[in-house]
């Protein structure tokens, strides 16, 4: 059962990357997409963590409200 839950989580996370238009905006360049995620992780390890989380959370909620992810 854990494997199924993990698979679902990974699929949902991939959906978020697609919803953010990162696939099209990067030309499906996975190194660029990973670089973006690594940069975000570095920001979350910095002193700017809470401010950045607040900003990203607001933007994410607006994006969800604009067009919810299909199940």
N, C-alpha and C. Protein backbone atom coordinates (compact mmCIF):
# COMPACT_ATOMS: atom_id res chain seq x y z
N UNK A 1 0.82 -1.20 0.00
CA UNK A 1 0.00 0.00 0.00
C UNK A 1 0.87 1.27 0.00
N UNK A 2 2.00 1.23 0.71
CA UNK A 2 2.88 2.40 0.75
C UNK A 2 3.39 2.77 -0.64
N UNK A 3 3.70 1.76 -1.44
CA UNK A 3 4.21 2.01 -2.78
C UNK A 3 3.15 2.73 -3.63
N UNK A 4 1.91 2.32 -3.48
CA UNK A 4 0.81 2.95 -4.23
C UNK A 4 0.64 4.41 -3.80
N UNK A 5 0.73 4.66 -2.50
CA UNK A 5 0.62 6.03 -1.99
C UNK A 5 1.77 6.90 -2.50
N UNK A 6 2.96 6.33 -2.50
CA UNK A 6 4.15 7.07 -2.99
C UNK A 6 4.02 7.38 -4.48
N UNK A 7 3.53 6.40 -5.24
CA UNK A 7 3.32 6.61 -6.67
C UNK A 7 2.32 7.73 -6.91
N UNK A 8 1.23 7.72 -6.16
CA UNK A 8 0.21 8.77 -6.29
C UNK A 8 0.81 10.14 -5.96
N UNK A 9 1.61 10.20 -4.89
CA UNK A 9 2.24 11.45 -4.50
C UNK A 9 3.14 11.97 -5.62
N UNK A 10 3.94 11.10 -6.21
CA UNK A 10 4.84 11.52 -7.28
C UNK A 10 4.07 12.00 -8.51
N UNK A 11 2.98 11.32 -8.83
CA UNK A 11 2.16 11.75 -9.96
C UNK A 11 1.55 13.13 -9.68
N UNK A 12 1.07 13.34 -8.47
CA UNK A 12 0.50 14.63 -8.11
C UNK A 12 1.55 15.74 -8.17
N UNK A 13 2.76 15.46 -7.70
CA UNK A 13 3.83 16.45 -7.76
C UNK A 13 4.20 16.77 -9.21
N UNK A 14 4.23 15.77 -10.06
CA UNK A 14 4.46 16.01 -11.48
C UNK A 14 3.37 16.88 -12.08
N UNK A 15 2.14 16.67 -11.62
CA UNK A 15 1.03 17.50 -12.07
C UNK A 15 1.21 18.96 -11.69
N UNK A 16 1.78 19.20 -10.52
CA UNK A 16 2.04 20.58 -10.10
C UNK A 16 3.09 21.24 -11.00
N UNK A 17 4.09 20.49 -11.37
CA UNK A 17 5.11 21.02 -12.28
C UNK A 17 4.49 21.37 -13.62
N UNK A 18 3.61 20.49 -14.10
CA UNK A 18 2.92 20.76 -15.37
C UNK A 18 1.98 21.95 -15.22
N UNK A 19 1.25 22.03 -14.11
CA UNK A 19 0.29 23.12 -13.89
C UNK A 19 1.00 24.48 -13.86
N UNK A 20 2.22 24.49 -13.34
CA UNK A 20 2.99 25.74 -13.29
C UNK A 20 3.58 26.10 -14.65
N UNK A 21 3.29 25.30 -15.68
CA UNK A 21 3.79 25.50 -17.04
C UNK A 21 5.30 25.36 -17.15
N UNK A 22 5.93 24.71 -16.17
CA UNK A 22 7.38 24.57 -16.22
C UNK A 22 7.84 23.66 -17.35
N UNK A 23 7.03 22.68 -17.71
CA UNK A 23 7.41 21.78 -18.80
C UNK A 23 7.51 22.57 -20.11
N UNK A 24 6.48 23.34 -20.41
CA UNK A 24 6.48 24.12 -21.65
C UNK A 24 7.48 25.28 -21.59
N UNK A 25 7.53 25.97 -20.47
CA UNK A 25 8.41 27.13 -20.37
C UNK A 25 9.89 26.77 -20.46
N UNK A 26 10.23 25.54 -20.08
CA UNK A 26 11.63 25.12 -20.13
C UNK A 26 11.92 24.23 -21.34
N UNK A 27 10.92 23.99 -22.17
CA UNK A 27 11.11 23.08 -23.30
C UNK A 27 11.35 21.66 -22.82
N UNK A 28 10.74 21.31 -21.70
CA UNK A 28 10.87 19.98 -21.08
C UNK A 28 12.33 19.65 -20.76
N UNK A 29 13.09 20.69 -20.41
CA UNK A 29 14.49 20.52 -20.03
C UNK A 29 14.53 20.17 -18.55
N UNK A 30 14.70 18.91 -18.27
CA UNK A 30 14.61 18.43 -16.89
C UNK A 30 15.74 18.94 -16.01
N UNK A 31 16.89 19.24 -16.60
CA UNK A 31 17.98 19.82 -15.82
C UNK A 31 17.58 21.21 -15.33
N UNK A 32 16.91 21.97 -16.17
CA UNK A 32 16.45 23.31 -15.77
C UNK A 32 15.39 23.19 -14.68
N UNK A 33 14.44 22.28 -14.86
CA UNK A 33 13.40 22.10 -13.86
C UNK A 33 14.01 21.68 -12.52
N UNK A 34 14.94 20.75 -12.54
CA UNK A 34 15.61 20.35 -11.30
C UNK A 34 16.38 21.52 -10.72
N UNK A 35 17.03 22.30 -11.55
CA UNK A 35 17.75 23.49 -11.07
C UNK A 35 16.83 24.46 -10.37
N UNK A 36 15.64 24.66 -10.91
CA UNK A 36 14.65 25.52 -10.26
C UNK A 36 14.27 24.98 -8.88
N UNK A 37 14.07 23.69 -8.81
CA UNK A 37 13.69 23.07 -7.54
C UNK A 37 14.83 23.12 -6.52
N UNK A 38 16.05 22.92 -6.99
CA UNK A 38 17.22 23.01 -6.11
C UNK A 38 17.36 24.44 -5.59
N UNK A 39 17.13 25.40 -6.46
CA UNK A 39 17.19 26.80 -6.04
C UNK A 39 16.12 27.11 -4.99
N UNK A 40 14.93 26.58 -5.19
CA UNK A 40 13.86 26.77 -4.21
C UNK A 40 14.25 26.14 -2.87
N UNK A 41 14.83 24.94 -2.91
CA UNK A 41 15.26 24.28 -1.69
C UNK A 41 16.32 25.10 -0.96
N UNK A 42 17.24 25.69 -1.72
CA UNK A 42 18.27 26.54 -1.11
C UNK A 42 17.63 27.74 -0.42
N UNK A 43 16.62 28.31 -1.05
CA UNK A 43 15.91 29.44 -0.45
C UNK A 43 15.24 29.03 0.85
N UNK A 44 14.70 27.82 0.87
CA UNK A 44 14.02 27.33 2.07
C UNK A 44 15.01 27.03 3.20
N UNK A 45 16.27 26.90 2.87
CA UNK A 45 17.30 26.70 3.90
C UNK A 45 17.89 28.03 4.39
N UNK A 46 17.45 29.12 3.80
CA UNK A 46 18.02 30.42 4.12
C UNK A 46 17.17 31.16 5.14
N UNK A 47 17.65 32.35 5.51
CA UNK A 47 16.91 33.19 6.45
C UNK A 47 15.61 33.72 5.85
N UNK A 48 15.50 33.67 4.54
CA UNK A 48 14.30 34.18 3.85
C UNK A 48 13.18 33.14 3.81
N UNK A 49 13.37 32.02 4.48
CA UNK A 49 12.42 30.90 4.41
C UNK A 49 10.97 31.31 4.64
N UNK A 50 10.67 31.90 5.77
CA UNK A 50 9.27 32.19 6.12
C UNK A 50 8.64 33.19 5.15
N UNK A 51 9.38 34.21 4.79
CA UNK A 51 8.87 35.21 3.85
C UNK A 51 8.58 34.57 2.50
N UNK A 52 9.50 33.72 2.05
CA UNK A 52 9.34 33.07 0.75
C UNK A 52 8.19 32.07 0.77
N UNK A 53 8.07 31.31 1.86
CA UNK A 53 6.95 30.37 1.98
C UNK A 53 5.61 31.10 1.90
N UNK A 54 5.53 32.23 2.57
CA UNK A 54 4.29 33.02 2.54
C UNK A 54 3.98 33.48 1.12
N UNK A 55 4.97 33.98 0.42
CA UNK A 55 4.79 34.43 -0.95
C UNK A 55 4.38 33.28 -1.86
N UNK A 56 5.09 32.17 -1.80
CA UNK A 56 4.78 31.03 -2.65
C UNK A 56 3.42 30.43 -2.33
N UNK A 57 3.06 30.41 -1.05
CA UNK A 57 1.76 29.87 -0.65
C UNK A 57 0.64 30.72 -1.24
N UNK A 58 0.76 32.04 -1.17
CA UNK A 58 -0.26 32.93 -1.76
C UNK A 58 -0.38 32.71 -3.26
N UNK A 59 0.75 32.64 -3.94
CA UNK A 59 0.72 32.42 -5.40
C UNK A 59 0.12 31.07 -5.74
N UNK A 60 0.48 30.06 -4.96
CA UNK A 60 -0.05 28.72 -5.19
C UNK A 60 -1.55 28.66 -4.99
N UNK A 61 -2.04 29.29 -3.95
CA UNK A 61 -3.49 29.29 -3.71
C UNK A 61 -4.23 30.00 -4.82
N UNK A 62 -3.66 31.11 -5.31
CA UNK A 62 -4.30 31.81 -6.43
C UNK A 62 -4.33 30.92 -7.67
N UNK A 63 -3.25 30.19 -7.90
CA UNK A 63 -3.20 29.30 -9.06
C UNK A 63 -4.22 28.16 -8.92
N UNK A 64 -4.36 27.60 -7.73
CA UNK A 64 -5.37 26.56 -7.51
C UNK A 64 -6.77 27.11 -7.72
N UNK A 65 -7.01 28.32 -7.22
CA UNK A 65 -8.33 28.94 -7.36
C UNK A 65 -8.66 29.24 -8.82
N UNK A 66 -7.63 29.60 -9.58
CA UNK A 66 -7.83 29.94 -11.00
C UNK A 66 -8.23 28.72 -11.82
N UNK A 67 -7.61 27.59 -11.54
CA UNK A 67 -7.90 26.37 -12.30
C UNK A 67 -7.47 25.17 -11.47
N UNK A 68 -8.39 24.60 -10.71
CA UNK A 68 -8.02 23.44 -9.89
C UNK A 68 -7.45 22.29 -10.72
N UNK A 69 -6.55 21.54 -10.10
CA UNK A 69 -5.96 20.38 -10.76
C UNK A 69 -7.04 19.31 -10.90
N UNK A 70 -7.10 18.70 -12.07
CA UNK A 70 -8.07 17.64 -12.31
C UNK A 70 -7.62 16.37 -11.61
N UNK A 71 -8.59 15.65 -11.07
CA UNK A 71 -8.27 14.40 -10.37
C UNK A 71 -8.23 13.23 -11.30
